[in-house]
């Protein structure tokens, strides 16, 4: 059993000098993060130390069908872009009131 454990340990050893990291910079950052900041405010003293790991970013849900699933929405249409950039005050009315007024004026002349 000892003969099997030795190769496993040899595979896990890492030559730190060959890694593309600056150990001095990392150690300096760790020293700076150990500095505590104390402030007095309303006679309160507090020290905050936060250690944790950020939650994983999930780009796609586990049930997402990326091969042949439907696209939920595409690019905006021309009409949607026009509605987005044009204020309501400058949009044309839903009905053509000019044509209606002209028609009523012609009917009144007869």
C-alpha atoms as a PDB file:
ATOM      1  CA  UNK A   1       0.000   0.000   0.000  1.00  0.00           C
ATOM      2  CA  UNK A   2       2.863   2.384   0.725  1.00  0.00           C
ATOM      3  CA  UNK A   3       4.170   1.870  -2.806  1.00  0.00           C
ATOM      4  CA  UNK A   4       0.843   3.112  -4.263  1.00  0.00           C
ATOM      5  CA  UNK A   5       0.654   6.226  -2.086  1.00  0.00           C
ATOM      6  CA  UNK A   6       4.105   7.525  -3.028  1.00  0.00           C
ATOM      7  CA  UNK A   7       3.378   8.044  -6.771  1.00  0.00           C
ATOM      8  CA  UNK A   8       0.117   9.813  -5.911  1.00  0.00           C
ATOM      9  CA  UNK A   9       1.999  12.257  -3.692  1.00  0.00           C
ATOM     10  CA  UNK A  10       4.626  12.815  -6.387  1.00  0.00           C
ATOM     11  CA  UNK A  11       1.959  13.737  -8.943  1.00  0.00           C
ATOM     12  CA  UNK A  12       0.386  16.342  -6.658  1.00  0.00           C
ATOM     13  CA  UNK A  13       3.637  18.198  -5.914  1.00  0.00           C
ATOM     14  CA  UNK A  14       3.904  21.521  -7.744  1.00  0.00           C
ATOM     15  CA  UNK A  15       7.043  23.480  -8.548  1.00  0.00           C
ATOM     16  CA  UNK A  16       6.026  26.934  -7.296  1.00  0.00           C
ATOM     17  CA  UNK A  17       8.898  28.686  -9.089  1.00  0.00           C
ATOM     18  CA  UNK A  18       7.417  27.700 -12.471  1.00  0.00           C
ATOM     19  CA  UNK A  19       3.936  29.110 -11.790  1.00  0.00           C
ATOM     20  CA  UNK A  20       3.018  32.383 -13.558  1.00  0.00           C
ATOM     21  CA  UNK A  21       2.268  34.179 -10.264  1.00  0.00           C
ATOM     22  CA  UNK A  22       4.146  36.675  -8.124  1.00  0.00           C
ATOM     23  CA  UNK A  23       4.264  35.255  -4.597  1.00  0.00           C
ATOM     24  CA  UNK A  24       5.589  38.512  -3.142  1.00  0.00           C
ATOM     25  CA  UNK A  25       2.577  40.367  -4.528  1.00  0.00           C
ATOM     26  CA  UNK A  26       0.172  37.772  -3.114  1.00  0.00           C
ATOM     27  CA  UNK A  27       1.839  37.872   0.315  1.00  0.00           C
ATOM     28  CA  UNK A  28       1.749  41.695   0.298  1.00  0.00           C
ATOM     29  CA  UNK A  29      -1.977  41.593  -0.513  1.00  0.00           C
ATOM     30  CA  UNK A  30      -2.597  39.135   2.324  1.00  0.00           C
ATOM     31  CA  UNK A  31      -0.695  41.365   4.760  1.00  0.00           C
ATOM     32  CA  UNK A  32      -2.763  44.386   3.672  1.00  0.00           C
ATOM     33  CA  UNK A  33      -6.026  42.473   4.106  1.00  0.00           C
ATOM     34  CA  UNK A  34      -5.055  41.596   7.692  1.00  0.00           C
ATOM     35  CA  UNK A  35      -5.021  45.284   8.663  1.00  0.00           C
ATOM     36  CA  UNK A  36      -7.995  46.167  10.835  1.00  0.00           C
ATOM     37  CA  UNK A  37      -9.718  49.482  10.654  1.00  0.00           C
ATOM     38  CA  UNK A  38     -11.376  50.823  13.767  1.00  0.00           C
ATOM     39  CA  UNK A  39     -13.585  53.877  13.777  1.00  0.00           C
ATOM     40  CA  UNK A  40     -15.472  55.637  16.510  1.00  0.00           C
ATOM     41  CA  UNK A  41     -19.003  56.700  15.756  1.00  0.00           C
ATOM     42  CA  UNK A  42     -21.606  57.310  18.415  1.00  0.00           C
ATOM     43  CA  UNK A  43     -19.262  55.561  20.871  1.00  0.00           C
ATOM     44  CA  UNK A  44     -19.498  52.316  18.907  1.00  0.00           C
ATOM     45  CA  UNK A  45     -16.504  50.185  18.011  1.00  0.00           C
ATOM     46  CA  UNK A  46     -16.819  47.570  15.348  1.00  0.00           C
ATOM     47  CA  UNK A  47     -14.498  45.258  13.478  1.00  0.00           C
ATOM     48  CA  UNK A  48     -15.664  43.551  10.320  1.00  0.00           C
ATOM     49  CA  UNK A  49     -13.876  40.554   8.888  1.00  0.00           C
ATOM     50  CA  UNK A  50     -15.435  38.956   5.837  1.00  0.00           C
ATOM     51  CA  UNK A  51     -14.252  35.606   4.567  1.00  0.00           C
ATOM     52  CA  UNK A  52     -16.238  33.796   1.972  1.00  0.00           C
ATOM     53  CA  UNK A  53     -16.556  32.611  -1.546  1.00  0.00           C
ATOM     54  CA  UNK A  54     -18.672  34.260  -4.214  1.00  0.00           C
ATOM     55  CA  UNK A  55     -21.608  32.186  -5.469  1.00  0.00           C
ATOM     56  CA  UNK A  56     -21.046  30.533  -8.838  1.00  0.00           C
ATOM     57  CA  UNK A  57     -22.299  32.390 -11.889  1.00  0.00           C
ATOM     58  CA  UNK A  58     -24.855  30.289 -13.701  1.00  0.00           C
ATOM     59  CA  UNK A  59     -25.130  31.427 -17.320  1.00  0.00           C
ATOM     60  CA  UNK A  60     -27.586  28.758 -18.402  1.00  0.00           C
ATOM     61  CA  UNK A  61     -30.212  26.998 -16.341  1.00  0.00           C
ATOM     62  CA  UNK A  62     -29.774  23.235 -15.964  1.00  0.00           C
ATOM     63  CA  UNK A  63     -32.942  22.613 -17.986  1.00  0.00           C
ATOM     64  CA  UNK A  64     -31.886  24.905 -20.876  1.00  0.00           C
ATOM     65  CA  UNK A  65     -31.917  23.145 -24.250  1.00  0.00           C
ATOM     66  CA  UNK A  66     -29.047  24.828 -26.086  1.00  0.00           C
ATOM     67  CA  UNK A  67     -29.028  22.477 -29.071  1.00  0.00           C
ATOM     68  CA  UNK A  68     -32.550  22.614 -30.461  1.00  0.00           C
ATOM     69  CA  UNK A  69     -34.567  24.706 -28.004  1.00  0.00           C
ATOM     70  CA  UNK A  70     -36.625  27.714 -29.088  1.00  0.00           C
ATOM     71  CA  UNK A  71     -35.192  31.195 -28.840  1.00  0.00           C
ATOM     72  CA  UNK A  72     -37.285  33.171 -26.328  1.00  0.00           C
ATOM     73  CA  UNK A  73     -36.938  36.479 -28.153  1.00  0.00           C
ATOM     74  CA  UNK A  74     -34.876  37.852 -31.000  1.00  0.00           C
ATOM     75  CA  UNK A  75     -33.656  41.293 -31.926  1.00  0.00           C
ATOM     76  CA  UNK A  76     -36.126  44.191 -31.728  1.00  0.00           C
ATOM     77  CA  UNK A  77     -38.134  44.945 -34.842  1.00  0.00           C
ATOM     78  CA  UNK A  78     -38.005  48.260 -36.668  1.00  0.00           C
ATOM     79  CA  UNK A  79     -41.394  49.220 -35.246  1.00  0.00           C
ATOM     80  CA  UNK A  80     -40.227  48.506 -31.679  1.00  0.00           C
ATOM     81  CA  UNK A  81     -37.098  50.619 -32.203  1.00  0.00           C
ATOM     82  CA  UNK A  82     -39.156  53.529 -33.568  1.00  0.00           C
ATOM     83  CA  UNK A  83     -41.532  53.309 -30.578  1.00  0.00           C
ATOM     84  CA  UNK A  84     -38.568  53.223 -28.223  1.00  0.00           C
ATOM     85  CA  UNK A  85     -36.806  56.327 -29.565  1.00  0.00           C
ATOM     86  CA  UNK A  86     -39.845  58.472 -30.467  1.00  0.00           C
ATOM     87  CA  UNK A  87     -41.632  60.271 -27.617  1.00  0.00           C
ATOM     88  CA  UNK A  88     -45.403  59.768 -27.412  1.00  0.00           C
ATOM     89  CA  UNK A  89     -45.993  63.446 -28.179  1.00  0.00           C
ATOM     90  CA  UNK A  90     -44.426  63.075 -31.621  1.00  0.00           C
ATOM     91  CA  UNK A  91     -45.977  59.772 -32.634  1.00  0.00           C
ATOM     92  CA  UNK A  92     -48.790  59.826 -35.178  1.00  0.00           C
ATOM     93  CA  UNK A  93     -52.299  59.287 -33.843  1.00  0.00           C
ATOM     94  CA  UNK A  94     -53.947  55.910 -34.222  1.00  0.00           C
ATOM     95  CA  UNK A  95     -56.547  57.273 -36.657  1.00  0.00           C
ATOM     96  CA  UNK A  96     -55.906  59.622 -39.584  1.00  0.00           C
ATOM     97  CA  UNK A  97     -57.844  62.644 -38.336  1.00  0.00           C
ATOM     98  CA  UNK A  98     -56.821  64.835 -41.295  1.00  0.00           C
ATOM     99  CA  UNK A  99     -58.546  62.515 -43.758  1.00  0.00           C
ATOM    100  CA  UNK A 100     -61.643  62.433 -41.561  1.00  0.00           C
ATOM    101  CA  UNK A 101     -61.801  66.242 -41.351  1.00  0.00           C
ATOM    102  CA  UNK A 102     -61.291  66.601 -45.118  1.00  0.00           C
ATOM    103  CA  UNK A 103     -64.083  64.082 -45.760  1.00  0.00           C
ATOM    104  CA  UNK A 104     -66.426  65.947 -43.396  1.00  0.00           C
ATOM    105  CA  UNK A 105     -65.552  69.280 -45.065  1.00  0.00           C
ATOM    106  CA  UNK A 106     -66.327  67.844 -48.508  1.00  0.00           C
ATOM    107  CA  UNK A 107     -69.636  66.435 -47.269  1.00  0.00           C
ATOM    108  CA  UNK A 108     -70.558  69.807 -45.751  1.00  0.00           C
ATOM    109  CA  UNK A 109     -69.931  71.620 -49.086  1.00  0.00           C
ATOM    110  CA  UNK A 110     -72.382  69.387 -50.968  1.00  0.00           C
END
